[in-house]
Amino acid sequence: MTTLHAGPHARPRVKLDDHLPVDHRLSRVYRLSAGTMGLFLVTFGVLGLIRRIGFFDTGTNTALGLNTNGALSVLSLVVGGVLLAAAVRGGNAASTVNMVLGIGFLLAGLAFLFALDSRFNFLNFRMQNVLFSFAVGLLLMTGGMYGRVSGGLPHDNPYWLSRHPG
């Protein structure tokens, strides 16, 4: 659905969730990025919980090469579950979840970069966790924005059509 802005240069504005058909071919990209990262995070969370690490322990406990504790393991399970659910749903939901969680991973990486070696590092992050968070954030954002945000969208793309009526 498009809405019009009031003013002398009124043009339609696209809402991300309204223009892409649910069965559009880009849904595979959104599902793949959400599913892959969701599967990794669930695996990471399960491995962290199996090791019975303290909930807010700040030792040298690792899973899959990343530092972890009980809280980070549970958080990874929850976020991984959300990503897997988005992958199952597909379409615009997967794209939107990818974008939102991608931004969340970037912000978490930035926050814990400043919290390294301080009492505020309650998720037991180390530099490899920060770099992983940045990489996952960028990958999720790219996977979620693919085909929606670009200067070179094909002319049959619903987002291009909504930006260029007539």
N, C-alpha and C. Protein backbone atom coordinates (compact mmCIF):
# COMPACT_ATOMS: atom_id res chain seq x y z
N MET A 1 0.85 -1.18 0.00
CA MET A 1 0.00 0.00 0.00
C MET A 1 0.89 1.23 0.00
N THR A 2 0.54 2.22 -0.79
CA THR A 2 1.30 3.46 -0.80
C THR A 2 0.48 4.55 -0.14
N THR A 3 1.18 5.49 0.43
CA THR A 3 0.54 6.65 1.02
C THR A 3 1.13 7.88 0.39
N LEU A 4 0.37 8.95 0.35
CA LEU A 4 0.85 10.20 -0.23
C LEU A 4 1.23 11.17 0.85
N HIS A 5 2.31 11.90 0.59
CA HIS A 5 2.72 12.98 1.47
C HIS A 5 2.01 14.24 1.03
N ALA A 6 1.67 15.08 1.97
CA ALA A 6 1.08 16.36 1.63
C ALA A 6 2.21 17.30 1.22
N GLY A 7 1.94 18.17 0.31
CA GLY A 7 2.94 19.15 -0.09
C GLY A 7 3.00 19.28 -1.59
N PRO A 8 3.81 20.23 -2.05
CA PRO A 8 3.86 20.50 -3.48
C PRO A 8 4.50 19.37 -4.29
N HIS A 9 5.38 18.60 -3.70
CA HIS A 9 6.05 17.51 -4.42
C HIS A 9 5.59 16.17 -3.86
N ALA A 10 4.29 16.00 -3.77
CA ALA A 10 3.74 14.76 -3.21
C ALA A 10 4.09 13.59 -4.11
N ARG A 11 4.62 12.53 -3.49
CA ARG A 11 4.92 11.31 -4.25
C ARG A 11 4.58 10.13 -3.37
N PRO A 12 4.25 9.04 -3.97
CA PRO A 12 3.88 7.86 -3.17
C PRO A 12 5.07 7.38 -2.34
N ARG A 13 4.77 6.87 -1.19
CA ARG A 13 5.79 6.33 -0.30
C ARG A 13 5.49 4.85 -0.08
N VAL A 14 6.50 4.03 -0.23
CA VAL A 14 6.32 2.60 -0.12
C VAL A 14 6.50 2.17 1.33
N LYS A 15 5.64 1.26 1.76
CA LYS A 15 5.83 0.60 3.05
C LYS A 15 6.44 -0.75 2.73
N LEU A 16 7.50 -1.11 3.44
CA LEU A 16 8.26 -2.31 3.09
C LEU A 16 7.42 -3.58 3.07
N ASP A 17 6.45 -3.72 3.93
CA ASP A 17 5.74 -4.98 4.04
C ASP A 17 4.57 -5.14 3.08
N ASP A 18 4.28 -4.15 2.27
CA ASP A 18 3.07 -4.21 1.47
C ASP A 18 3.29 -4.52 0.00
N HIS A 19 4.50 -4.42 -0.53
CA HIS A 19 4.67 -4.50 -1.97
C HIS A 19 5.27 -5.78 -2.49
N LEU A 20 5.83 -6.59 -1.66
CA LEU A 20 6.48 -7.80 -2.14
C LEU A 20 5.54 -8.98 -1.95
N PRO A 21 5.20 -9.68 -3.02
CA PRO A 21 4.34 -10.85 -2.86
C PRO A 21 5.01 -11.88 -1.94
N VAL A 22 4.21 -12.60 -1.20
CA VAL A 22 4.75 -13.56 -0.23
C VAL A 22 5.59 -14.63 -0.91
N ASP A 23 5.24 -15.02 -2.12
CA ASP A 23 5.97 -16.08 -2.81
C ASP A 23 7.02 -15.55 -3.78
N HIS A 24 7.44 -14.31 -3.62
CA HIS A 24 8.42 -13.71 -4.51
C HIS A 24 9.76 -14.44 -4.39
N ARG A 25 10.54 -14.48 -5.48
CA ARG A 25 11.81 -15.21 -5.50
C ARG A 25 12.82 -14.67 -4.49
N LEU A 26 12.71 -13.42 -4.09
CA LEU A 26 13.63 -12.87 -3.10
C LEU A 26 13.41 -13.48 -1.72
N SER A 27 12.26 -14.08 -1.51
CA SER A 27 11.99 -14.72 -0.22
C SER A 27 13.03 -15.78 0.10
N ARG A 28 13.57 -16.43 -0.92
CA ARG A 28 14.62 -17.44 -0.69
C ARG A 28 15.87 -16.83 -0.08
N VAL A 29 16.23 -15.63 -0.53
CA VAL A 29 17.39 -14.93 0.03
C VAL A 29 17.14 -14.61 1.49
N TYR A 30 15.96 -14.08 1.79
CA TYR A 30 15.62 -13.72 3.17
C TYR A 30 15.60 -14.96 4.06
N ARG A 31 15.02 -16.05 3.56
CA ARG A 31 14.95 -17.29 4.33
C ARG A 31 16.35 -17.88 4.57
N LEU A 32 17.17 -17.86 3.55
CA LEU A 32 18.51 -18.43 3.67
C LEU A 32 19.34 -17.68 4.70
N SER A 33 19.32 -16.36 4.65
CA SER A 33 20.12 -15.59 5.61
C SER A 33 19.59 -15.77 7.03
N ALA A 34 18.29 -15.74 7.20
CA ALA A 34 17.72 -15.92 8.54
C ALA A 34 17.94 -17.34 9.04
N GLY A 35 17.73 -18.33 8.20
CA GLY A 35 17.86 -19.72 8.60
C GLY A 35 19.29 -20.10 8.94
N THR A 36 20.24 -19.67 8.12
CA THR A 36 21.64 -19.99 8.37
C THR A 36 22.11 -19.41 9.68
N MET A 37 21.84 -18.14 9.89
CA MET A 37 22.29 -17.51 11.13
C MET A 37 21.51 -18.03 12.33
N GLY A 38 20.23 -18.30 12.17
CA GLY A 38 19.44 -18.86 13.25
C GLY A 38 19.95 -20.22 13.68
N LEU A 39 20.30 -21.06 12.71
CA LEU A 39 20.83 -22.38 13.01
C LEU A 39 22.17 -22.29 13.76
N PHE A 40 23.03 -21.38 13.33
CA PHE A 40 24.31 -21.20 14.02
C PHE A 40 24.09 -20.74 15.45
N LEU A 41 23.20 -19.77 15.65
CA LEU A 41 22.98 -19.24 17.00
C LEU A 41 22.34 -20.28 17.93
N VAL A 42 21.42 -21.08 17.41
CA VAL A 42 20.82 -22.14 18.23
C VAL A 42 21.89 -23.16 18.61
N THR A 43 22.73 -23.54 17.67
CA THR A 43 23.82 -24.48 17.97
C THR A 43 24.76 -23.91 19.02
N PHE A 44 25.13 -22.66 18.87
CA PHE A 44 26.00 -21.99 19.83
C PHE A 44 25.35 -21.96 21.22
N GLY A 45 24.07 -21.63 21.26
CA GLY A 45 23.36 -21.58 22.54
C GLY A 45 23.27 -22.94 23.21
N VAL A 46 22.97 -23.95 22.44
CA VAL A 46 22.87 -25.31 23.00
C VAL A 46 24.23 -25.77 23.53
N LEU A 47 25.29 -25.54 22.76
CA LEU A 47 26.63 -25.94 23.22
C LEU A 47 27.03 -25.19 24.49
N GLY A 48 26.65 -23.93 24.58
CA GLY A 48 26.94 -23.16 25.79
C GLY A 48 26.18 -23.69 27.00
N LEU A 49 24.92 -24.07 26.80
CA LEU A 49 24.13 -24.60 27.91
C LEU A 49 24.57 -26.00 28.33
N ILE A 50 25.01 -26.80 27.38
CA ILE A 50 25.47 -28.16 27.69
C ILE A 50 26.67 -28.12 28.63
N ARG A 51 27.49 -27.11 28.50
CA ARG A 51 28.69 -26.99 29.32
C ARG A 51 28.41 -26.50 30.73
N ARG A 52 27.16 -26.20 31.01
CA ARG A 52 26.72 -25.77 32.35
C ARG A 52 27.57 -24.64 32.92
N ILE A 53 27.75 -23.64 32.11
CA ILE A 53 28.50 -22.45 32.51
C ILE A 53 27.58 -21.58 33.36
N GLY A 54 28.12 -20.92 34.35
CA GLY A 54 27.31 -20.03 35.18
C GLY A 54 26.60 -18.97 34.35
N PHE A 55 25.44 -18.54 34.84
CA PHE A 55 24.61 -17.63 34.06
C PHE A 55 25.35 -16.34 33.72
N PHE A 56 26.02 -15.72 34.66
CA PHE A 56 26.79 -14.50 34.39
C PHE A 56 28.27 -14.72 34.63
N ASP A 57 28.76 -15.93 34.40
CA ASP A 57 30.17 -16.26 34.57
C ASP A 57 31.00 -15.48 33.54
N THR A 58 32.14 -14.98 33.96
CA THR A 58 32.99 -14.21 33.05
C THR A 58 34.35 -14.88 32.88
N GLY A 59 34.38 -16.19 32.87
CA GLY A 59 35.63 -16.93 32.68
C GLY A 59 36.01 -17.05 31.22
N THR A 60 36.78 -18.08 30.92
CA THR A 60 37.26 -18.30 29.56
C THR A 60 36.48 -19.42 28.88
N ASN A 61 35.22 -19.55 29.17
CA ASN A 61 34.37 -20.59 28.59
C ASN A 61 34.05 -20.24 27.14
N THR A 62 34.23 -21.22 26.27
CA THR A 62 33.97 -20.97 24.85
C THR A 62 33.06 -22.04 24.25
N ALA A 63 32.41 -21.67 23.18
CA ALA A 63 31.63 -22.59 22.35
C ALA A 63 31.78 -22.10 20.92
N LEU A 64 32.16 -23.00 20.03
CA LEU A 64 32.38 -22.65 18.62
C LEU A 64 33.37 -21.50 18.44
N GLY A 65 34.35 -21.40 19.33
CA GLY A 65 35.39 -20.38 19.22
C GLY A 65 35.02 -19.02 19.79
N LEU A 66 33.83 -18.89 20.35
CA LEU A 66 33.39 -17.62 20.93
C LEU A 66 33.20 -17.77 22.43
N ASN A 67 33.55 -16.74 23.18
CA ASN A 67 33.31 -16.77 24.62
C ASN A 67 31.82 -16.77 24.89
N THR A 68 31.44 -17.41 25.97
CA THR A 68 30.02 -17.49 26.30
C THR A 68 29.82 -17.64 27.79
N ASN A 69 28.61 -17.47 28.22
CA ASN A 69 28.15 -17.81 29.57
C ASN A 69 26.69 -18.21 29.44
N GLY A 70 26.05 -18.54 30.54
CA GLY A 70 24.66 -18.99 30.49
C GLY A 70 23.72 -17.96 29.88
N ALA A 71 23.91 -16.70 30.24
CA ALA A 71 23.02 -15.65 29.74
C ALA A 71 23.17 -15.49 28.22
N LEU A 72 24.40 -15.50 27.73
CA LEU A 72 24.61 -15.37 26.29
C LEU A 72 24.08 -16.60 25.56
N SER A 73 24.20 -17.76 26.16
CA SER A 73 23.66 -18.98 25.55
C SER A 73 22.15 -18.92 25.42
N VAL A 74 21.47 -18.48 26.47
CA VAL A 74 20.01 -18.37 26.42
C VAL A 74 19.60 -17.30 25.42
N LEU A 75 20.29 -16.17 25.42
CA LEU A 75 19.98 -15.10 24.47
C LEU A 75 20.19 -15.59 23.03
N SER A 76 21.23 -16.36 22.81
CA SER A 76 21.49 -16.91 21.48
C SER A 76 20.39 -17.86 21.05
N LEU A 77 19.90 -18.67 21.98
CA LEU A 77 18.78 -19.57 21.67
C LEU A 77 17.53 -18.79 21.28
N VAL A 78 17.24 -17.74 22.01
CA VAL A 78 16.04 -16.94 21.74
C VAL A 78 16.15 -16.25 20.37
N VAL A 79 17.28 -15.57 20.14
CA VAL A 79 17.46 -14.85 18.87
C VAL A 79 17.52 -15.84 17.71
N GLY A 80 18.21 -16.97 17.91
CA GLY A 80 18.25 -18.00 16.87
C GLY A 80 16.87 -18.54 16.57
N GLY A 81 16.06 -18.74 17.60
CA GLY A 81 14.69 -19.20 17.41
C GLY A 81 13.85 -18.21 16.63
N VAL A 82 14.03 -16.92 16.92
CA VAL A 82 13.31 -15.88 16.17
C VAL A 82 13.72 -15.91 14.71
N LEU A 83 15.02 -16.06 14.45
CA LEU A 83 15.50 -16.11 13.07
C LEU A 83 14.98 -17.35 12.34
N LEU A 84 14.97 -18.48 13.03
CA LEU A 84 14.44 -19.70 12.40
C LEU A 84 12.95 -19.58 12.12
N ALA A 85 12.21 -18.97 13.03
CA ALA A 85 10.78 -18.75 12.80
C ALA A 85 10.57 -17.82 11.61
N ALA A 86 11.41 -16.79 11.49
CA ALA A 86 11.31 -15.88 10.35
C ALA A 86 11.64 -16.61 9.05
N ALA A 87 12.62 -17.52 9.11
CA ALA A 87 12.98 -18.29 7.92
C ALA A 87 11.83 -19.19 7.48
N VAL A 88 11.14 -19.78 8.44
CA VAL A 88 9.99 -20.63 8.12
C VAL A 88 8.87 -19.78 7.52
N ARG A 89 8.64 -18.62 8.09
CA ARG A 89 7.59 -17.72 7.60
C ARG A 89 7.93 -17.17 6.23
N GLY A 90 9.20 -16.75 6.06
CA GLY A 90 9.68 -16.25 4.77
C GLY A 90 9.13 -14.89 4.41
N GLY A 91 9.32 -14.50 3.20
CA GLY A 91 8.78 -13.26 2.65
C GLY A 91 9.22 -12.02 3.39
N ASN A 92 8.29 -11.09 3.48
CA ASN A 92 8.57 -9.80 4.10
C ASN A 92 8.92 -9.92 5.57
N ALA A 93 8.33 -10.89 6.26
CA ALA A 93 8.63 -11.07 7.68
C ALA A 93 10.09 -11.42 7.88
N ALA A 94 10.62 -12.34 7.07
CA ALA A 94 12.02 -12.72 7.18
C ALA A 94 12.93 -11.54 6.85
N SER A 95 12.57 -10.79 5.84
CA SER A 95 13.37 -9.62 5.47
C SER A 95 13.41 -8.59 6.59
N THR A 96 12.26 -8.29 7.15
CA THR A 96 12.19 -7.31 8.22
C THR A 96 12.92 -7.78 9.47
N VAL A 97 12.75 -9.04 9.84
CA VAL A 97 13.45 -9.58 11.01
C VAL A 97 14.96 -9.53 10.78
N ASN A 98 15.41 -9.86 9.57
CA ASN A 98 16.84 -9.78 9.26
C ASN A 98 17.36 -8.37 9.45
N MET A 99 16.64 -7.39 8.94
CA MET A 99 17.10 -6.00 9.07
C MET A 99 17.13 -5.54 10.52
N VAL A 100 16.07 -5.82 11.25
CA VAL A 100 15.99 -5.36 12.64
C VAL A 100 17.06 -6.04 13.51
N LEU A 101 17.19 -7.36 13.38
CA LEU A 101 18.19 -8.05 14.18
C LEU A 101 19.61 -7.73 13.72
N GLY A 102 19.79 -7.44 12.44
CA GLY A 102 21.10 -7.02 11.95
C GLY A 102 21.54 -5.73 12.62
N ILE A 103 20.63 -4.79 12.72
CA ILE A 103 20.93 -3.53 13.42
C ILE A 103 21.20 -3.81 14.89
N GLY A 104 20.41 -4.71 15.48
CA GLY A 104 20.63 -5.08 16.88
C GLY A 104 22.00 -5.69 17.12
N PHE A 105 22.45 -6.56 16.22
CA PHE A 105 23.79 -7.15 16.36
C PHE A 105 24.87 -6.08 16.24
N LEU A 106 24.72 -5.14 15.33
CA LEU A 106 25.70 -4.07 15.21
C LEU A 106 25.76 -3.22 16.48
N LEU A 107 24.61 -2.87 17.00
CA LEU A 107 24.57 -2.08 18.23
C LEU A 107 25.13 -2.85 19.42
N ALA A 108 24.82 -4.14 19.51
CA ALA A 108 25.36 -4.96 20.61
C ALA A 108 26.87 -5.06 20.50
N GLY A 109 27.39 -5.25 19.29
CA GLY A 109 28.83 -5.30 19.11
C GLY A 109 29.49 -4.02 19.53
N LEU A 110 28.89 -2.90 19.17
CA LEU A 110 29.44 -1.60 19.56
C LEU A 110 29.38 -1.41 21.08
N ALA A 111 28.27 -1.76 21.67
CA ALA A 111 28.12 -1.60 23.13
C ALA A 111 29.13 -2.46 23.88
N PHE A 112 29.28 -3.71 23.47
CA PHE A 112 30.20 -4.60 24.18
C PHE A 112 31.65 -4.33 23.83
N LEU A 113 31.90 -3.65 22.72
CA LEU A 113 33.27 -3.20 22.44
C LEU A 113 33.72 -2.23 23.52
N PHE A 114 32.81 -1.35 23.93
CA PHE A 114 33.14 -0.40 24.99
C PHE A 114 33.12 -1.06 26.37
N ALA A 115 32.42 -2.18 26.50
CA ALA A 115 32.30 -2.84 27.80
C ALA A 115 33.39 -3.90 28.04
N LEU A 116 34.21 -4.17 27.02
CA LEU A 116 35.27 -5.16 27.21
C LEU A 116 36.12 -4.82 28.43
N ASP A 117 36.48 -5.83 29.20
CA ASP A 117 37.33 -5.67 30.39
C ASP A 117 36.75 -4.69 31.41
N SER A 118 35.42 -4.68 31.50
CA SER A 118 34.78 -3.85 32.53
C SER A 118 33.73 -4.68 33.25
N ARG A 119 33.19 -4.13 34.29
CA ARG A 119 32.15 -4.85 35.04
C ARG A 119 30.82 -4.90 34.29
N PHE A 120 30.70 -4.16 33.22
CA PHE A 120 29.46 -4.13 32.43
C PHE A 120 29.43 -5.24 31.37
N ASN A 121 30.46 -6.03 31.27
CA ASN A 121 30.55 -7.10 30.29
C ASN A 121 29.89 -8.36 30.83
N PHE A 122 28.60 -8.29 31.09
CA PHE A 122 27.87 -9.38 31.73
C PHE A 122 27.60 -10.56 30.80
N LEU A 123 27.80 -10.39 29.47
CA LEU A 123 27.62 -11.50 28.54
C LEU A 123 28.95 -12.16 28.18
N ASN A 124 30.02 -11.80 28.88
CA ASN A 124 31.33 -12.42 28.73
C ASN A 124 31.88 -12.27 27.31
N PHE A 125 31.66 -11.12 26.69
CA PHE A 125 32.18 -10.86 25.34
C PHE A 125 33.68 -10.70 25.39
N ARG A 126 34.34 -11.14 24.34
CA ARG A 126 35.74 -10.88 24.07
C ARG A 126 35.79 -10.30 22.66
N MET A 127 36.97 -9.93 22.21
CA MET A 127 37.06 -9.27 20.90
C MET A 127 36.48 -10.15 19.78
N GLN A 128 36.66 -11.47 19.85
CA GLN A 128 36.11 -12.32 18.80
C GLN A 128 34.58 -12.27 18.79
N ASN A 129 33.96 -12.08 19.95
CA ASN A 129 32.51 -11.94 20.01
C ASN A 129 32.07 -10.63 19.37
N VAL A 130 32.83 -9.57 19.62
CA VAL A 130 32.50 -8.26 19.04
C VAL A 130 32.60 -8.33 17.52
N LEU A 131 33.68 -8.91 17.01
CA LEU A 131 33.84 -9.03 15.56
C LEU A 131 32.76 -9.92 14.95
N PHE A 132 32.42 -11.00 15.65
CA PHE A 132 31.33 -11.87 15.19
C PHE A 132 30.01 -11.09 15.15
N SER A 133 29.75 -10.31 16.16
CA SER A 133 28.51 -9.53 16.22
C SER A 133 28.44 -8.54 15.06
N PHE A 134 29.55 -7.87 14.76
CA PHE A 134 29.58 -6.95 13.62
C PHE A 134 29.35 -7.70 12.31
N ALA A 135 30.02 -8.84 12.14
CA ALA A 135 29.88 -9.61 10.89
C ALA A 135 28.45 -10.12 10.71
N VAL A 136 27.87 -10.66 11.78
CA VAL A 136 26.49 -11.16 11.69
C VAL A 136 25.53 -10.01 11.41
N GLY A 137 25.73 -8.89 12.07
CA GLY A 137 24.87 -7.73 11.83
C GLY A 137 24.89 -7.30 10.38
N LEU A 138 26.08 -7.22 9.81
CA LEU A 138 26.18 -6.81 8.40
C LEU A 138 25.58 -7.85 7.47
N LEU A 139 25.81 -9.14 7.74
CA LEU A 139 25.24 -10.18 6.90
C LEU A 139 23.72 -10.21 6.97
N LEU A 140 23.17 -10.07 8.19
CA LEU A 140 21.71 -10.07 8.32
C LEU A 140 21.10 -8.84 7.65
N MET A 141 21.72 -7.69 7.82
CA MET A 141 21.19 -6.48 7.18
C MET A 141 21.24 -6.61 5.66
N THR A 142 22.35 -7.13 5.14
CA THR A 142 22.48 -7.31 3.70
C THR A 142 21.44 -8.30 3.20
N GLY A 143 21.27 -9.41 3.91
CA GLY A 143 20.27 -10.40 3.51
C GLY A 143 18.86 -9.86 3.57
N GLY A 144 18.58 -9.00 4.54
CA GLY A 144 17.25 -8.44 4.68
C GLY A 144 16.94 -7.33 3.69
N MET A 145 17.96 -6.58 3.31
CA MET A 145 17.75 -5.46 2.40
C MET A 145 17.88 -5.84 0.94
N TYR A 146 18.37 -7.04 0.68
CA TYR A 146 18.61 -7.47 -0.69
C TYR A 146 17.32 -7.38 -1.51
N GLY A 147 17.38 -6.65 -2.59
CA GLY A 147 16.22 -6.52 -3.47
C GLY A 147 15.23 -5.46 -3.03
N ARG A 148 15.45 -4.86 -1.87
CA ARG A 148 14.54 -3.82 -1.38
C ARG A 148 15.18 -2.45 -1.45
N VAL A 149 16.45 -2.38 -1.17
CA VAL A 149 17.13 -1.10 -1.07
C VAL A 149 18.31 -1.13 -2.03
N SER A 150 18.18 -0.46 -3.15
CA SER A 150 19.26 -0.45 -4.13
C SER A 150 18.98 0.63 -5.16
N GLY A 151 20.03 1.13 -5.74
CA GLY A 151 19.88 2.09 -6.82
C GLY A 151 19.64 1.40 -8.15
N GLY A 152 19.87 0.09 -8.22
CA GLY A 152 19.75 -0.62 -9.48
C GLY A 152 18.68 -1.69 -9.47
N LEU A 153 17.55 -1.40 -8.86
CA LEU A 153 16.46 -2.37 -8.84
C LEU A 153 15.91 -2.56 -10.24
N PRO A 154 15.56 -3.80 -10.62
CA PRO A 154 14.95 -4.01 -11.93
C PRO A 154 13.58 -3.33 -12.00
N HIS A 155 13.17 -3.01 -13.19
CA HIS A 155 11.94 -2.23 -13.36
C HIS A 155 10.67 -3.03 -13.06
N ASP A 156 10.77 -4.33 -12.89
CA ASP A 156 9.60 -5.10 -12.49
C ASP A 156 9.55 -5.33 -10.97
N ASN A 157 10.54 -4.80 -10.25
CA ASN A 157 10.57 -4.94 -8.80
C ASN A 157 9.46 -4.08 -8.19
N PRO A 158 8.69 -4.64 -7.26
CA PRO A 158 7.57 -3.87 -6.67
C PRO A 158 8.02 -2.59 -5.98
N TYR A 159 9.22 -2.58 -5.42
CA TYR A 159 9.70 -1.37 -4.76
C TYR A 159 10.07 -0.30 -5.78
N TRP A 160 10.65 -0.71 -6.92
CA TRP A 160 10.94 0.25 -7.97
C TRP A 160 9.64 0.82 -8.52
N LEU A 161 8.66 -0.05 -8.75
CA LEU A 161 7.38 0.40 -9.29
C LEU A 161 6.69 1.39 -8.36
N SER A 162 6.78 1.17 -7.05
CA SER A 162 6.11 2.10 -6.14
C SER A 162 6.82 3.44 -6.07
N ARG A 163 8.11 3.46 -6.38
CA ARG A 163 8.86 4.71 -6.36
C ARG A 163 8.74 5.46 -7.68
N HIS A 164 8.33 4.76 -8.73
CA HIS A 164 8.23 5.37 -10.07
C HIS A 164 6.86 5.07 -10.68
N PRO A 165 5.81 5.65 -10.12
CA PRO A 165 4.48 5.38 -10.67
C PRO A 165 4.35 5.97 -12.07
N GLY A 166 3.70 5.22 -12.94
CA GLY A 166 3.48 5.69 -14.30
C GLY A 166 4.70 5.46 -15.09
